[in-house]
Amino acid sequence: MPPNLSGYYRFVSQENMDNYLRALDINVVLRKVVCLLKPDKEIIHTGDHMVIRTITTLRDYIMDFDLGVQFEEDLGPVDGRKCQTTVFWEGDQLVCEQLGEKRNRGWRHWLEGDRLHLRMTAEDEVCVQVFQKVK
């Protein structure tokens, strides 16, 4: 049985965000701003339904989805694209595949103790963020 990721998580660290954003064709000014942000995550996990909120001082991004069901994700607030997204469990990791203009786009969430890890990929770039559960 996969873990329940429900909770509120505070940003701890990130690696390689600028190169990841460059792979998504984000302009240099926005990349610099995004690299300064320290997002929080709120996850509500109820059965096969999840809501993941990424909370920043610039803007929030909300993913609301059913596990295993493909949907059109509007990534306009992120990079102006839409993609076909499916989120599913692979063992203890929550995996997101985002099919569209960019090859190898997606992410993985997993827990190690009370820390939530996020590995984001686009093209050949990988960005890793870590969050600490606070409630």
Protein backbone atom coordinates (compact mmCIF):
# COMPACT_ATOMS: atom_id res chain seq x y z
CA MET A 1 0.00 0.00 0.00
CA PRO A 2 1.46 3.38 -0.97
CA PRO A 3 2.06 6.01 1.73
CA ASN A 4 -0.40 8.81 2.41
CA LEU A 5 1.43 12.03 1.54
CA SER A 6 -1.14 14.33 3.16
CA GLY A 7 0.42 17.22 5.01
CA TYR A 8 1.98 20.65 4.84
CA TYR A 9 5.66 20.79 3.90
CA ARG A 10 8.10 23.70 4.18
CA PHE A 11 10.92 24.23 1.66
CA VAL A 12 14.40 23.06 2.76
CA SER A 13 16.61 22.99 -0.34
CA GLN A 14 16.88 22.64 -4.09
CA GLU A 15 19.53 21.70 -6.65
CA ASN A 16 19.78 22.56 -10.37
CA MET A 17 16.59 24.63 -10.68
CA ASP A 18 18.09 27.10 -13.17
CA ASN A 19 19.13 24.39 -15.64
CA TYR A 20 15.76 22.64 -15.27
CA LEU A 21 13.93 25.90 -16.07
CA ARG A 22 16.27 26.54 -19.00
CA ALA A 23 15.29 23.11 -20.40
CA LEU A 24 11.67 24.34 -20.26
CA ASP A 25 12.65 27.48 -22.23
CA ILE A 26 11.87 29.83 -19.31
CA ASN A 27 13.39 33.27 -19.90
CA VAL A 28 16.38 34.35 -17.83
CA VAL A 29 14.52 36.96 -15.76
CA LEU A 30 11.78 34.54 -14.68
CA ARG A 31 14.39 31.82 -14.00
CA LYS A 32 16.24 34.13 -11.61
CA VAL A 33 13.00 34.98 -9.78
CA VAL A 34 11.90 31.34 -9.53
CA CYS A 35 15.31 30.28 -8.21
CA LEU A 36 14.88 32.73 -5.32
CA LEU A 37 11.46 31.36 -4.30
CA LYS A 38 11.11 29.00 -1.39
CA PRO A 39 7.84 27.19 -2.12
CA ASP A 40 5.77 25.30 0.41
CA LYS A 41 3.74 22.21 -0.53
CA GLU A 42 0.35 21.17 0.74
CA ILE A 43 -0.87 17.71 -0.22
CA ILE A 44 -4.38 16.40 0.35
CA HIS A 45 -4.50 12.68 -0.39
CA THR A 46 -7.90 10.98 -0.14
CA GLY A 47 -8.07 7.51 -1.67
CA ASP A 48 -7.40 7.84 -5.41
CA HIS A 49 -7.85 11.62 -5.41
CA MET A 50 -5.09 14.13 -4.69
CA VAL A 51 -4.64 17.88 -4.55
CA ILE A 52 -1.09 19.23 -4.55
CA ARG A 53 -0.68 22.94 -3.90
CA THR A 54 2.67 24.60 -4.52
CA ILE A 55 2.57 27.85 -2.55
CA THR A 56 4.88 30.80 -3.26
CA THR A 57 4.89 34.55 -2.75
CA LEU A 58 4.70 34.97 -6.55
CA ARG A 59 1.73 32.66 -7.25
CA ASP A 60 0.30 29.32 -6.26
CA TYR A 61 -0.01 26.31 -8.52
CA ILE A 62 -2.68 23.68 -7.85
CA MET A 63 -2.85 20.17 -9.28
CA ASP A 64 -6.20 18.45 -8.65
CA PHE A 65 -6.36 14.92 -10.10
CA ASP A 66 -7.39 11.29 -9.80
CA LEU A 67 -4.58 8.76 -9.71
CA GLY A 68 -4.11 6.76 -12.90
CA VAL A 69 -6.43 8.97 -14.98
CA GLN A 70 -4.89 11.04 -17.79
CA PHE A 71 -5.96 14.69 -17.90
CA GLU A 72 -4.99 17.86 -19.73
CA GLU A 73 -2.78 19.90 -17.42
CA ASP A 74 -2.60 23.62 -18.07
CA LEU A 75 0.95 24.65 -17.24
CA GLY A 76 0.30 28.20 -18.38
CA PRO A 77 1.40 29.65 -15.03
CA VAL A 78 4.66 27.68 -15.26
CA ASP A 79 5.78 27.76 -18.90
CA GLY A 80 2.73 28.50 -21.05
CA ARG A 81 2.23 24.91 -22.20
CA LYS A 82 -0.45 22.26 -21.91
CA CYS A 83 0.34 18.60 -21.65
CA GLN A 84 -1.34 15.24 -21.11
CA THR A 85 -0.59 14.28 -17.52
CA THR A 86 -0.96 11.02 -15.63
CA VAL A 87 -0.04 10.56 -11.97
CA PHE A 88 0.35 7.07 -10.50
CA TRP A 89 2.16 5.09 -7.83
CA GLU A 90 5.38 3.26 -8.61
CA GLY A 91 6.12 1.47 -5.37
CA ASP A 92 6.35 4.16 -2.66
CA GLN A 93 6.91 6.98 -5.17
CA LEU A 94 4.21 9.18 -6.64
CA VAL A 95 5.13 9.54 -10.34
CA CYS A 96 3.87 12.16 -12.81
CA GLU A 97 4.33 11.81 -16.56
CA GLN A 98 3.69 14.98 -18.58
CA LEU A 99 3.44 14.28 -22.32
CA GLY A 100 3.78 17.27 -24.62
CA GLU A 101 6.41 19.42 -26.28
CA LYS A 102 9.25 18.57 -23.89
CA ARG A 103 10.85 15.14 -23.78
CA ASN A 104 11.20 13.33 -20.43
CA ARG A 105 9.00 15.84 -18.56
CA GLY A 106 7.58 14.86 -15.19
CA TRP A 107 8.29 14.49 -11.51
CA ARG A 108 8.43 12.07 -8.56
CA HIS A 109 7.50 12.63 -4.91
CA TRP A 110 8.58 10.33 -2.10
CA LEU A 111 8.99 10.43 1.66
CA GLU A 112 12.12 9.76 3.68
CA GLY A 113 11.06 10.06 7.30
CA ASP A 114 9.33 13.44 7.63
CA ARG A 115 10.99 14.88 4.51
CA LEU A 116 9.22 15.07 1.16
CA HIS A 117 11.50 14.78 -1.87
CA LEU A 118 10.61 16.05 -5.34
CA ARG A 119 12.62 15.10 -8.42
CA MET A 120 11.59 17.08 -11.53
CA THR A 121 12.83 16.25 -15.03
CA ALA A 122 12.68 17.95 -18.43
CA GLU A 123 14.80 16.92 -21.40
CA ASP A 124 18.14 15.87 -19.80
CA GLU A 125 17.89 18.13 -16.74
CA VAL A 126 16.98 17.07 -13.20
CA CYS A 127 16.03 19.38 -10.32
CA VAL A 128 15.65 18.04 -6.78
CA GLN A 129 13.78 19.81 -4.00
CA VAL A 130 13.41 18.75 -0.37
CA PHE A 131 10.61 19.80 2.01
CA GLN A 132 10.18 19.27 5.76
CA LYS A 133 6.75 18.17 7.03
CA VAL A 134 5.42 20.74 9.50
CA LYS A 135 1.84 19.48 9.96
